[in-house]
Amino acid sequence: YLPPTPIDDLGWCLGGVINLTPVELACQLGQTVFAETKAGYDTYL
């Protein structure tokens, strides 16, 4: 969709889809977590 972007000291950076719903991290950080249910990814694209 969008090309990667360069960031100093990190190199070429791209999307947060690597951990789209970081529920484990959220539960480690907080006493109460508001997450969301997600639809499945389409299997064509």
PDB file of all heavy atoms in Angstrom:
ATOM      1  N   TYR A   1       0.843  -1.191   0.000  1.00  0.00           N
ATOM      2  CA  TYR A   1       0.000   0.000   0.000  1.00  0.00           C
ATOM      3  C   TYR A   1       0.879   1.243   0.000  1.00  0.00           C
ATOM      4  O   TYR A   1       0.891   2.001  -0.964  1.00  0.00           O
ATOM      5  CB  TYR A   1      -0.955   0.006   1.200  1.00  0.00           C
ATOM      6  CG  TYR A   1      -2.241  -0.757   0.987  1.00  0.00           C
ATOM      7  CD1 TYR A   1      -2.389  -1.626  -0.091  1.00  0.00           C
ATOM      8  CD2 TYR A   1      -3.310  -0.619   1.853  1.00  0.00           C
ATOM      9  CE1 TYR A   1      -3.563  -2.323  -0.293  1.00  0.00           C
ATOM     10  CE2 TYR A   1      -4.496  -1.312   1.659  1.00  0.00           C
ATOM     11  CZ  TYR A   1      -4.616  -2.164   0.580  1.00  0.00           C
ATOM     12  OH  TYR A   1      -5.785  -2.846   0.380  1.00  0.00           O
ATOM     13  N   LEU A   2       1.608   1.452   1.095  1.00  0.00           N
ATOM     14  CA  LEU A   2       2.561   2.557   1.180  1.00  0.00           C
ATOM     15  C   LEU A   2       3.971   1.997   1.236  1.00  0.00           C
ATOM     16  O   LEU A   2       4.200   0.967   1.877  1.00  0.00           O
ATOM     17  CB  LEU A   2       2.300   3.412   2.423  1.00  0.00           C
ATOM     18  CG  LEU A   2       1.068   4.311   2.410  1.00  0.00           C
ATOM     19  CD1 LEU A   2       0.857   4.941   3.791  1.00  0.00           C
ATOM     20  CD2 LEU A   2       1.176   5.395   1.345  1.00  0.00           C
ATOM     21  N   PRO A   3       4.933   2.656   0.604  1.00  0.00           N
ATOM     22  CA  PRO A   3       6.310   2.158   0.664  1.00  0.00           C
ATOM     23  C   PRO A   3       6.896   2.321   2.063  1.00  0.00           C
ATOM     24  O   PRO A   3       6.414   3.141   2.857  1.00  0.00           O
ATOM     25  CB  PRO A   3       7.051   3.033  -0.357  1.00  0.00           C
ATOM     26  CG  PRO A   3       6.217   4.260  -0.492  1.00  0.00           C
ATOM     27  CD  PRO A   3       4.804   3.852  -0.248  1.00  0.00           C
ATOM     28  N   PRO A   4       7.916   1.539   2.398  1.00  0.00           N
ATOM     29  CA  PRO A   4       8.602   1.725   3.684  1.00  0.00           C
ATOM     30  C   PRO A   4       9.168   3.134   3.792  1.00  0.00           C
ATOM     31  O   PRO A   4       9.372   3.827   2.790  1.00  0.00           O
ATOM     32  CB  PRO A   4       9.727   0.681   3.642  1.00  0.00           C
ATOM     33  CG  PRO A   4       9.325  -0.291   2.587  1.00  0.00           C
ATOM     34  CD  PRO A   4       8.533   0.481   1.589  1.00  0.00           C
ATOM     35  N   THR A   5       9.418   3.566   5.021  1.00  0.00           N
ATOM     36  CA  THR A   5       9.967   4.903   5.255  1.00  0.00           C
ATOM     37  C   THR A   5      11.250   4.783   6.065  1.00  0.00           C
ATOM     38  O   THR A   5      11.332   3.966   6.990  1.00  0.00           O
ATOM     39  CB  THR A   5       8.939   5.788   5.992  1.00  0.00           C
ATOM     40  OG1 THR A   5       9.437   7.114   6.112  1.00  0.00           O
ATOM     41  CG2 THR A   5       8.614   5.252   7.373  1.00  0.00           C
ATOM     42  N   PRO A   6      12.272   5.566   5.742  1.00  0.00           N
ATOM     43  CA  PRO A   6      13.523   5.475   6.504  1.00  0.00           C
ATOM     44  C   PRO A   6      13.453   6.291   7.795  1.00  0.00           C
ATOM     45  O   PRO A   6      12.937   7.409   7.810  1.00  0.00           O
ATOM     46  CB  PRO A   6      14.557   6.066   5.539  1.00  0.00           C
ATOM     47  CG  PRO A   6      13.772   7.037   4.699  1.00  0.00           C
ATOM     48  CD  PRO A   6      12.391   6.461   4.574  1.00  0.00           C
ATOM     49  N   ILE A   7      13.966   5.738   8.873  1.00  0.00           N
ATOM     50  CA  ILE A   7      14.071   6.432  10.154  1.00  0.00           C
ATOM     51  C   ILE A   7      15.502   6.281  10.650  1.00  0.00           C
ATOM     52  O   ILE A   7      16.060   5.177  10.632  1.00  0.00           O
ATOM     53  CB  ILE A   7      13.084   5.867  11.198  1.00  0.00           C
ATOM     54  CG1 ILE A   7      11.635   6.077  10.736  1.00  0.00           C
ATOM     55  CG2 ILE A   7      13.297   6.525  12.560  1.00  0.00           C
ATOM     56  CD1 ILE A   7      10.598   5.541  11.712  1.00  0.00           C
ATOM     57  N   ASP A   8      16.088   7.379  11.088  1.00  0.00           N
ATOM     58  CA  ASP A   8      17.473   7.369  11.561  1.00  0.00           C
ATOM     59  C   ASP A   8      17.663   6.302  12.627  1.00  0.00           C
ATOM     60  O   ASP A   8      16.843   6.154  13.546  1.00  0.00           O
ATOM     61  CB  ASP A   8      17.855   8.737  12.130  1.00  0.00           C
ATOM     62  CG  ASP A   8      17.972   9.807  11.054  1.00  0.00           C
ATOM     63  OD1 ASP A   8      18.043   9.436   9.866  1.00  0.00           O
ATOM     64  OD2 ASP A   8      17.963  11.007  11.400  1.00  0.00           O
ATOM     65  N   ASP A   9      18.756   5.573  12.515  1.00  0.00           N
ATOM     66  CA  ASP A   9      19.178   4.536  13.462  1.00  0.00           C
ATOM     67  C   ASP A   9      18.315   3.278  13.421  1.00  0.00           C
ATOM     68  O   ASP A   9      18.634   2.299  14.107  1.00  0.00           O
ATOM     69  CB  ASP A   9      19.209   5.064  14.901  1.00  0.00           C
ATOM     70  CG  ASP A   9      20.171   6.232  15.085  1.00  0.00           C
ATOM     71  OD1 ASP A   9      21.242   6.217  14.451  1.00  0.00           O
ATOM     72  OD2 ASP A   9      19.830   7.161  15.844  1.00  0.00           O
ATOM     73  N   LEU A  10      17.241   3.295  12.634  1.00  0.00           N
ATOM     74  CA  LEU A  10      16.392   2.110  12.519  1.00  0.00           C
ATOM     75  C   LEU A  10      16.397   1.518  11.122  1.00  0.00           C
ATOM     76  O   LEU A  10      16.159   0.326  10.953  1.00  0.00           O
ATOM     77  CB  LEU A  10      14.952   2.447  12.919  1.00  0.00           C
ATOM     78  CG  LEU A  10      14.714   2.844  14.381  1.00  0.00           C
ATOM     79  CD1 LEU A  10      13.269   3.276  14.587  1.00  0.00           C
ATOM     80  CD2 LEU A  10      15.075   1.705  15.329  1.00  0.00           C
ATOM     81  N   GLY A  11      16.657   2.349  10.126  1.00  0.00           N
ATOM     82  CA  GLY A  11      16.634   1.873   8.750  1.00  0.00           C
ATOM     83  C   GLY A  11      15.248   1.974   8.148  1.00  0.00           C
ATOM     84  O   GLY A  11      14.450   2.849   8.499  1.00  0.00           O
ATOM     85  N   TRP A  12      14.938   1.053   7.244  1.00  0.00           N
ATOM     86  CA  TRP A  12      13.647   1.074   6.554  1.00  0.00           C
ATOM     87  C   TRP A  12      12.567   0.486   7.452  1.00  0.00           C
ATOM     88  O   TRP A  12      12.675  -0.647   7.909  1.00  0.00           O
ATOM     89  CB  TRP A  12      13.735   0.296   5.244  1.00  0.00           C
ATOM     90  CG  TRP A  12      14.565   0.994   4.217  1.00  0.00           C
ATOM     91  CD1 TRP A  12      15.855   0.718   3.868  1.00  0.00           C
ATOM     92  CD2 TRP A  12      14.162   2.118   3.430  1.00  0.00           C
ATOM     93  NE1 TRP A  12      16.282   1.598   2.911  1.00  0.00           N
ATOM     94  CE2 TRP A  12      15.264   2.467   2.613  1.00  0.00           C
ATOM     95  CE3 TRP A  12      12.986   2.868   3.324  1.00  0.00           C
ATOM     96  CZ2 TRP A  12      15.224   3.533   1.711  1.00  0.00           C
ATOM     97  CZ3 TRP A  12      12.940   3.915   2.437  1.00  0.00           C
ATOM     98  CH2 TRP A  12      14.045   4.238   1.634  1.00  0.00           C
ATOM     99  N   CYS A  13      11.522   1.276   7.670  1.00  0.00           N
ATOM    100  CA  CYS A  13      10.469   0.885   8.613  1.00  0.00           C
ATOM    101  C   CYS A  13       9.142   0.728   7.881  1.00  0.00           C
ATOM    102  O   CYS A  13       8.851   1.443   6.922  1.00  0.00           O
ATOM    103  CB  CYS A  13      10.337   1.918   9.720  1.00  0.00           C
ATOM    104  SG  CYS A  13      11.849   2.078  10.728  1.00  0.00           S
ATOM    105  N   LEU A  14       8.358  -0.211   8.355  1.00  0.00           N
ATOM    106  CA  LEU A  14       7.059  -0.456   7.756  1.00  0.00           C
ATOM    107  C   LEU A  14       6.038  -0.780   8.839  1.00  0.00           C
ATOM    108  O   LEU A  14       6.261  -0.488  10.017  1.00  0.00           O
ATOM    109  CB  LEU A  14       7.129  -1.527   6.677  1.00  0.00           C
ATOM    110  CG  LEU A  14       7.698  -2.904   6.993  1.00  0.00           C
ATOM    111  CD1 LEU A  14       7.185  -3.908   5.966  1.00  0.00           C
ATOM    112  CD2 LEU A  14       9.220  -2.920   6.940  1.00  0.00           C
ATOM    113  N   GLY A  15       4.914  -1.399   8.449  1.00  0.00           N
ATOM    114  CA  GLY A  15       3.696  -1.327   9.217  1.00  0.00           C
ATOM    115  C   GLY A  15       3.621  -2.013  10.559  1.00  0.00           C
ATOM    116  O   GLY A  15       4.382  -2.933  10.883  1.00  0.00           O
ATOM    117  N   GLY A  16       2.615  -1.572  11.326  1.00  0.00           N
ATOM    118  CA  GLY A  16       2.309  -2.148  12.618  1.00  0.00           C
ATOM    119  C   GLY A  16       1.574  -3.471  12.525  1.00  0.00           C
ATOM    120  O   GLY A  16       1.241  -4.066  13.559  1.00  0.00           O
ATOM    121  N   VAL A  17       1.340  -3.968  11.313  1.00  0.00           N
ATOM    122  CA  VAL A  17       0.651  -5.244  11.139  1.00  0.00           C
ATOM    123  C   VAL A  17       1.460  -6.396  11.726  1.00  0.00           C
ATOM    124  O   VAL A  17       0.919  -7.472  11.969  1.00  0.00           O
ATOM    125  CB  VAL A  17       0.337  -5.490   9.644  1.00  0.00           C
ATOM    126  CG1 VAL A  17       1.608  -5.802   8.864  1.00  0.00           C
ATOM    127  CG2 VAL A  17      -0.708  -6.583   9.465  1.00  0.00           C
ATOM    128  N   ILE A  18       2.732  -6.185  11.998  1.00  0.00           N
ATOM    129  CA  ILE A  18       3.544  -7.215  12.639  1.00  0.00           C
ATOM    130  C   ILE A  18       2.954  -7.616  13.990  1.00  0.00           C
ATOM    131  O   ILE A  18       3.125  -8.750  14.442  1.00  0.00           O
ATOM    132  CB  ILE A  18       5.009  -6.733  12.801  1.00  0.00           C
ATOM    133  CG1 ILE A  18       5.924  -7.904  13.185  1.00  0.00           C
ATOM    134  CG2 ILE A  18       5.111  -5.588  13.791  1.00  0.00           C
ATOM    135  CD1 ILE A  18       7.408  -7.559  13.173  1.00  0.00           C
ATOM    136  N   ASN A  19       2.225  -6.708  14.628  1.00  0.00           N
ATOM    137  CA  ASN A  19       1.527  -7.001  15.888  1.00  0.00           C
ATOM    138  C   ASN A  19       0.313  -6.084  15.960  1.00  0.00           C
ATOM    139  O   ASN A  19       0.261  -5.157  16.755  1.00  0.00           O
ATOM    140  CB  ASN A  19       2.452  -6.793  17.088  1.00  0.00           C
ATOM    141  CG  ASN A  19       1.878  -7.349  18.376  1.00  0.00           C
ATOM    142  OD1 ASN A  19       0.804  -7.966  18.379  1.00  0.00           O
ATOM    143  ND2 ASN A  19       2.570  -7.138  19.484  1.00  0.00           N
ATOM    144  N   LEU A  20      -0.659  -6.366  15.112  1.00  0.00           N
ATOM    145  CA  LEU A  20      -1.788  -5.458  14.921  1.00  0.00           C
ATOM    146  C   LEU A  20      -2.600  -5.259  16.195  1.00  0.00           C
ATOM    147  O   LEU A  20      -3.037  -4.144  16.496  1.00  0.00           O
ATOM    148  CB  LEU A  20      -2.702  -5.980  13.807  1.00  0.00           C
ATOM    149  CG  LEU A  20      -3.839  -5.049  13.417  1.00  0.00           C
ATOM    150  CD1 LEU A  20      -3.311  -3.799  12.731  1.00  0.00           C
ATOM    151  CD2 LEU A  20      -4.842  -5.762  12.516  1.00  0.00           C
ATOM    152  N   THR A  21      -2.802  -6.328  16.946  1.00  0.00           N
ATOM    153  CA  THR A  21      -3.572  -6.250  18.193  1.00  0.00           C
ATOM    154  C   THR A  21      -2.681  -6.739  19.328  1.00  0.00           C
ATOM    155  O   THR A  21      -2.719  -7.917  19.697  1.00  0.00           O
ATOM    156  CB  THR A  21      -4.863  -7.086  18.110  1.00  0.00           C
ATOM    157  OG1 THR A  21      -5.615  -6.686  16.950  1.00  0.00           O
ATOM    158  CG2 THR A  21      -5.725  -6.889  19.347  1.00  0.00           C
ATOM    159  N   PRO A  22      -1.874  -5.855  19.890  1.00  0.00           N
ATOM    160  CA  PRO A  22      -0.883  -6.271  20.900  1.00  0.00           C
ATOM    161  C   PRO A  22      -1.506  -6.473  22.283  1.00  0.00           C
ATOM    162  O   PRO A  22      -1.193  -5.776  23.250  1.00  0.00           O
ATOM    163  CB  PRO A  22       0.113  -5.109  20.887  1.00  0.00           C
ATOM    164  CG  PRO A  22      -0.708  -3.920  20.512  1.00  0.00           C
ATOM    165  CD  PRO A  22      -1.749  -4.434  19.548  1.00  0.00           C
ATOM    166  N   VAL A  23      -2.390  -7.441  22.370  1.00  0.00           N
ATOM    167  CA  VAL A  23      -3.152  -7.649  23.600  1.00  0.00           C
ATOM    168  C   VAL A  23      -2.252  -8.119  24.736  1.00  0.00           C
ATOM    169  O   VAL A  23      -2.479  -7.774  25.907  1.00  0.00           O
ATOM    170  CB  VAL A  23      -4.320  -8.629  23.339  1.00  0.00           C
ATOM    171  CG1 VAL A  23      -3.816 -10.006  22.931  1.00  0.00           C
ATOM    172  CG2 VAL A  23      -5.236  -8.713  24.538  1.00  0.00           C
ATOM    173  N   GLU A  24      -1.223  -8.904  24.416  1.00  0.00           N
ATOM    174  CA  GLU A  24      -0.311  -9.367  25.464  1.00  0.00           C
ATOM    175  C   GLU A  24       0.416  -8.190  26.103  1.00  0.00           C
ATOM    176  O   GLU A  24       0.536  -8.103  27.331  1.00  0.00           O
ATOM    177  CB  GLU A  24       0.706 -10.366  24.893  1.00  0.00           C
ATOM    178  CG  GLU A  24       0.096 -11.615  24.302  1.00  0.00           C
ATOM    179  CD  GLU A  24      -0.196 -11.509  22.818  1.00  0.00           C
ATOM    180  OE1 GLU A  24      -0.209 -10.380  22.294  1.00  0.00           O
ATOM    181  OE2 GLU A  24      -0.403 -12.555  22.180  1.00  0.00           O
ATOM    182  N   LEU A  25       0.914  -7.295  25.273  1.00  0.00           N
ATOM    183  CA  LEU A  25       1.593  -6.104  25.782  1.00  0.00           C
ATOM    184  C   LEU A  25       0.638  -5.257  26.610  1.00  0.00           C
ATOM    185  O   LEU A  25       0.987  -4.782  27.698  1.00  0.00           O
ATOM    186  CB  LEU A  25       2.155  -5.282  24.623  1.00  0.00           C
ATOM    187  CG  LEU A  25       2.749  -3.923  24.981  1.00  0.00           C
ATOM    188  CD1 LEU A  25       3.981  -4.087  25.859  1.00  0.00           C
ATOM    189  CD2 LEU A  25       3.086  -3.124  23.716  1.00  0.00           C
ATOM    190  N   ALA A  26      -0.574  -5.063  26.107  1.00  0.00           N
ATOM    191  CA  ALA A  26      -1.553  -4.233  26.818  1.00  0.00           C
ATOM    192  C   ALA A  26      -1.851  -4.791  28.202  1.00  0.00           C
ATOM    193  O   ALA A  26      -1.935  -4.041  29.186  1.00  0.00           O
ATOM    194  CB  ALA A  26      -2.834  -4.131  25.996  1.00  0.00           C
ATOM    195  N   CYS A  27      -2.009  -6.110  28.306  1.00  0.00           N
ATOM    196  CA  CYS A  27      -2.302  -6.709  29.603  1.00  0.00           C
ATOM    197  C   CYS A  27      -1.102  -6.664  30.533  1.00  0.00           C
ATOM    198  O   CYS A  27      -1.261  -6.713  31.754  1.00  0.00           O
ATOM    199  CB  CYS A  27      -2.778  -8.150  29.417  1.00  0.00           C
ATOM    200  SG  CYS A  27      -4.457  -8.277  28.755  1.00  0.00           S
ATOM    201  N   GLN A  28       0.073  -6.566  29.976  1.00  0.00           N
ATOM    202  CA  GLN A  28       1.251  -6.409  30.822  1.00  0.00           C
ATOM    203  C   GLN A  28       1.352  -4.981  31.354  1.00  0.00           C
ATOM    204  O   GLN A  28       1.839  -4.759  32.458  1.00  0.00           O
ATOM    205  CB  GLN A  28       2.517  -6.756  30.042  1.00  0.00           C
ATOM    206  CG  GLN A  28       3.759  -6.849  30.918  1.00  0.00           C
ATOM    207  CD  GLN A  28       5.002  -7.156  30.111  1.00  0.00           C
ATOM    208  OE1 GLN A  28       5.028  -6.943  28.902  1.00  0.00           O
ATOM    209  NE2 GLN A  28       6.031  -7.643  30.763  1.00  0.00           N
ATOM    210  N   LEU A  29       0.835  -4.033  30.586  1.00  0.00           N
ATOM    211  CA  LEU A  29       0.967  -2.627  30.968  1.00  0.00           C
ATOM    212  C   LEU A  29      -0.128  -2.147  31.903  1.00  0.00           C
ATOM    213  O   LEU A  29       0.104  -1.247  32.713  1.00  0.00           O
ATOM    214  CB  LEU A  29       0.974  -1.746  29.713  1.00  0.00           C
ATOM    215  CG  LEU A  29       2.157  -1.889  28.756  1.00  0.00           C
ATOM    216  CD1 LEU A  29       1.974  -0.964  27.565  1.00  0.00           C
ATOM    217  CD2 LEU A  29       3.473  -1.611  29.467  1.00  0.00           C
ATOM    218  N   GLY A  30      -1.347  -2.677  31.775  1.00  0.00           N
ATOM    219  CA  GLY A  30      -2.463  -2.079  32.500  1.00  0.00           C
ATOM    220  C   GLY A  30      -3.325  -3.057  33.277  1.00  0.00           C
ATOM    221  O   GLY A  30      -3.371  -4.257  32.978  1.00  0.00           O
ATOM    222  N   GLN A  31      -4.043  -2.531  34.262  1.00  0.00           N
ATOM    223  CA  GLN A  31      -4.979  -3.328  35.051  1.00  0.00           C
ATOM    224  C   GLN A  31      -6.255  -3.622  34.268  1.00  0.00           C
ATOM    225  O   GLN A  31      -6.854  -4.684  34.427  1.00  0.00           O
ATOM    226  CB  GLN A  31      -5.343  -2.566  36.338  1.00  0.00           C
ATOM    227  CG  GLN A  31      -4.177  -2.233  37.236  1.00  0.00           C
ATOM    228  CD  GLN A  31      -3.615  -3.448  37.946  1.00  0.00           C
ATOM    229  OE1 GLN A  31      -4.223  -4.511  37.925  1.00  0.00           O
ATOM    230  NE2 GLN A  31      -2.466  -3.287  38.572  1.00  0.00           N
ATOM    231  N   THR A  32      -6.672  -2.670  33.434  1.00  0.00           N
ATOM    232  CA  THR A  32      -7.872  -2.823  32.616  1.00  0.00           C
ATOM    233  C   THR A  32      -7.508  -2.509  31.178  1.00  0.00           C
ATOM    234  O   THR A  32      -6.863  -1.488  30.906  1.00  0.00           O
ATOM    235  CB  THR A  32      -8.994  -1.878  33.091  1.00  0.00           C
ATOM    236  OG1 THR A  32      -9.301  -2.161  34.458  1.00  0.00           O
ATOM    237  CG2 THR A  32     -10.238  -2.042  32.246  1.00  0.00           C
ATOM    238  N   VAL A  33      -7.914  -3.381  30.269  1.00  0.00           N
ATOM    239  CA  VAL A  33      -7.560  -3.228  28.854  1.00  0.00           C
ATOM    240  C   VAL A  33      -8.834  -3.214  28.019  1.00  0.00           C
ATOM    241  O   VAL A  33      -9.694  -4.085  28.164  1.00  0.00           O
ATOM    242  CB  VAL A  33      -6.635  -4.367  28.385  1.00  0.00           C
ATOM    243  CG1 VAL A  33      -6.435  -4.311  26.869  1.00  0.00           C
ATOM    244  CG2 VAL A  33      -5.294  -4.297  29.104  1.00  0.00           C
ATOM    245  N   PHE A  34      -8.931  -2.233  27.138  1.00  0.00           N
ATOM    246  CA  PHE A  34     -10.014  -2.162  26.160  1.00  0.00           C
ATOM    247  C   PHE A  34      -9.423  -2.469  24.788  1.00  0.00           C
ATOM    248  O   PHE A  34      -8.707  -1.655  24.202  1.00  0.00           O
ATOM    249  CB  PHE A  34     -10.681  -0.787  26.176  1.00  0.00           C
ATOM    250  CG  PHE A  34     -11.420  -0.499  27.445  1.00  0.00           C
ATOM    251  CD1 PHE A  34     -10.815   0.212  28.474  1.00  0.00           C
ATOM    252  CD2 PHE A  34     -12.723  -0.963  27.628  1.00  0.00           C
ATOM    253  CE1 PHE A  34     -11.496   0.475  29.660  1.00  0.00           C
ATOM    254  CE2 PHE A  34     -13.411  -0.708  28.815  1.00  0.00           C
ATOM    255  CZ  PHE A  34     -12.791   0.009  29.832  1.00  0.00           C
ATOM    256  N   ALA A  35      -9.709  -3.677  24.305  1.00  0.00           N
ATOM    257  CA  ALA A  35      -9.282  -4.108  22.981  1.00  0.00           C
ATOM    258  C   ALA A  35     -10.525  -4.174  22.093  1.00  0.00           C
ATOM    259  O   ALA A  35     -11.602  -3.731  22.481  1.00  0.00           O
ATOM    260  CB  ALA A  35      -8.573  -5.454  23.069  1.00  0.00           C
ATOM    261  N   GLU A  36     -10.385  -4.724  20.904  1.00  0.00           N
ATOM    262  CA  GLU A  36     -11.531  -4.828  20.003  1.00  0.00           C
ATOM    263  C   GLU A  36     -11.519  -6.165  19.287  1.00  0.00           C
ATOM    264  O   GLU A  36     -10.462  -6.733  18.997  1.00  0.00           O
ATOM    265  CB  GLU A  36     -11.521  -3.700  18.962  1.00  0.00           C
ATOM    266  CG  GLU A  36     -10.348  -3.782  18.014  1.00  0.00           C
ATOM    267  CD  GLU A  36     -10.431  -2.792  16.858  1.00  0.00           C
ATOM    268  OE1 GLU A  36     -11.457  -2.801  16.147  1.00  0.00           O
ATOM    269  OE2 GLU A  36      -9.474  -2.038  16.675  1.00  0.00           O
ATOM    270  N   THR A  37     -12.694  -6.680  19.010  1.00  0.00           N
ATOM    271  CA  THR A  37     -12.797  -7.846  18.147  1.00  0.00           C
ATOM    272  C   THR A  37     -12.525  -7.406  16.710  1.00  0.00           C
ATOM    273  O   THR A  37     -12.877  -6.304  16.300  1.00  0.00           O
ATOM    274  CB  THR A  37     -14.187  -8.479  18.235  1.00  0.00           C
ATOM    275  OG1 THR A  37     -15.187  -7.484  17.934  1.00  0.00           O
ATOM    276  CG2 THR A  37     -14.443  -9.020  19.638  1.00  0.00           C
ATOM    277  N   LYS A  38     -11.861  -8.267  15.949  1.00  0.00           N
ATOM    278  CA  LYS A  38     -11.472  -7.942  14.581  1.00  0.00           C
ATOM    279  C   LYS A  38     -12.055  -8.971  13.615  1.00  0.00           C
ATOM    280  O   LYS A  38     -12.158 -10.159  13.933  1.00  0.00           O
ATOM    281  CB  LYS A  38      -9.951  -7.958  14.427  1.00  0.00           C
ATOM    282  CG  LYS A  38      -9.190  -7.047  15.374  1.00  0.00           C
ATOM    283  CD  LYS A  38      -9.338  -5.593  15.020  1.00  0.00           C
ATOM    284  CE  LYS A  38      -8.599  -5.222  13.763  1.00  0.00           C
ATOM    285  NZ  LYS A  38      -8.676  -3.759  13.502  1.00  0.00           N
ATOM    286  N   ALA A  39     -12.402  -8.507  12.429  1.00  0.00           N
ATOM    287  CA  ALA A  39     -12.796  -9.422  11.365  1.00  0.00           C
ATOM    288  C   ALA A  39     -11.555 -10.133  10.833  1.00  0.00           C
ATOM    289  O   ALA A  39     -10.431  -9.636  10.956  1.00  0.00           O
ATOM    290  CB  ALA A  39     -13.493  -8.660  10.244  1.00  0.00           C
ATOM    291  N   GLY A  40     -11.743 -11.289  10.236  1.00  0.00           N
ATOM    292  CA  GLY A  40     -10.623 -12.028   9.677  1.00  0.00           C
ATOM    293  C   GLY A  40     -10.019 -11.319   8.467  1.00  0.00           C
ATOM    294  O   GLY A  40     -10.659 -10.497   7.810  1.00  0.00           O
ATOM    295  N   TYR A  41      -8.769 -11.636   8.189  1.00  0.00           N
ATOM    296  CA  TYR A  41      -8.084 -11.084   7.016  1.00  0.00           C
ATOM    297  C   TYR A  41      -8.606 -11.776   5.757  1.00  0.00           C
ATOM    298  O   TYR A  41      -8.822 -12.994   5.746  1.00  0.00           O
ATOM    299  CB  TYR A  41      -6.582 -11.318   7.111  1.00  0.00           C
ATOM    300  CG  TYR A  41      -5.893 -10.543   8.207  1.00  0.00           C
ATOM    301  CD1 TYR A  41      -5.872 -11.016   9.514  1.00  0.00           C
ATOM    302  CD2 TYR A  41      -5.245  -9.345   7.935  1.00  0.00           C
ATOM    303  CE1 TYR A  41      -5.232 -10.313  10.524  1.00  0.00           C
ATOM    304  CE2 TYR A  41      -4.601  -8.636   8.937  1.00  0.00           C
ATOM    305  CZ  TYR A  41      -4.601  -9.123  10.222  1.00  0.00           C
ATOM    306  OH  TYR A  41      -3.967  -8.427  11.226  1.00  0.00           O
ATOM    307  N   ASP A  42      -8.782 -10.996   4.696  1.00  0.00           N
ATOM    308  CA  ASP A  42      -9.206 -11.628   3.451  1.00  0.00           C
ATOM    309  C   ASP A  42      -8.074 -12.492   2.913  1.00  0.00           C
ATOM    310  O   ASP A  42      -6.892 -12.184   3.072  1.00  0.00           O
ATOM    311  CB  ASP A  42      -9.650 -10.584   2.422  1.00  0.00           C
ATOM    312  CG  ASP A  42      -8.499  -9.956   1.664  1.00  0.00           C
ATOM    313  OD1 ASP A  42      -8.005 -10.590   0.719  1.00  0.00           O
ATOM    314  OD2 ASP A  42      -8.075  -8.835   2.029  1.00  0.00           O
ATOM    315  N   THR A  43      -8.442 -13.600   2.314  1.00  0.00           N
ATOM    316  CA  THR A  43      -7.457 -14.601   1.893  1.00  0.00           C
ATOM    317  C   THR A  43      -6.953 -14.397   0.473  1.00  0.00           C
ATOM    318  O   THR A  43      -6.184 -15.226  -0.033  1.00  0.00           O
ATOM    319  CB  THR A  43      -8.056 -16.013   2.018  1.00  0.00           C
ATOM    320  OG1 THR A  43      -9.249 -16.093   1.225  1.00  0.00           O
ATOM    321  CG2 THR A  43      -8.402 -16.313   3.474  1.00  0.00           C
ATOM    322  N   TYR A  44      -7.372 -13.306  -0.180  1.00  0.00           N
ATOM    323  CA  TYR A  44      -6.947 -13.049  -1.549  1.00  0.00           C
ATOM    324  C   TYR A  44      -5.825 -12.017  -1.637  1.00  0.00           C
ATOM    325  O   TYR A  44      -4.905 -12.159  -2.442  1.00  0.00           O
ATOM    326  CB  TYR A  44      -8.143 -12.593  -2.394  1.00  0.00           C
ATOM    327  CG  TYR A  44      -9.185 -13.657  -2.550  1.00  0.00           C
ATOM    328  CD1 TYR A  44     -10.324 -13.668  -1.749  1.00  0.00           C
ATOM    329  CD2 TYR A  44      -9.036 -14.674  -3.485  1.00  0.00           C
ATOM    330  CE1 TYR A  44     -11.285 -14.660  -1.883  1.00  0.00           C
ATOM    331  CE2 TYR A  44      -9.990 -15.670  -3.629  1.00  0.00           C
ATOM    332  CZ  TYR A  44     -11.112 -15.659  -2.824  1.00  0.00           C
ATOM    333  OH  TYR A  44     -12.043 -16.646  -2.953  1.00  0.00           O
ATOM    334  N   LEU A  45      -5.892 -10.974  -0.799  1.00  0.00           N
ATOM    335  CA  LEU A  45      -4.883  -9.912  -0.879  1.00  0.00           C
ATOM    336  C   LEU A  45      -4.136  -9.725   0.438  1.00  0.00           C
ATOM    337  O   LEU A  45      -2.913  -9.832   0.484  1.00  0.00           O
ATOM    338  CB  LEU A  45      -5.546  -8.593  -1.297  1.00  0.00           C
ATOM    339  CG  LEU A  45      -6.093  -8.523  -2.721  1.00  0.00           C
ATOM    340  CD1 LEU A  45      -6.827  -7.209  -2.943  1.00  0.00           C
ATOM    341  CD2 LEU A  45      -4.981  -8.690  -3.747  1.00  0.00           C
TER     342      LEU A  45
END
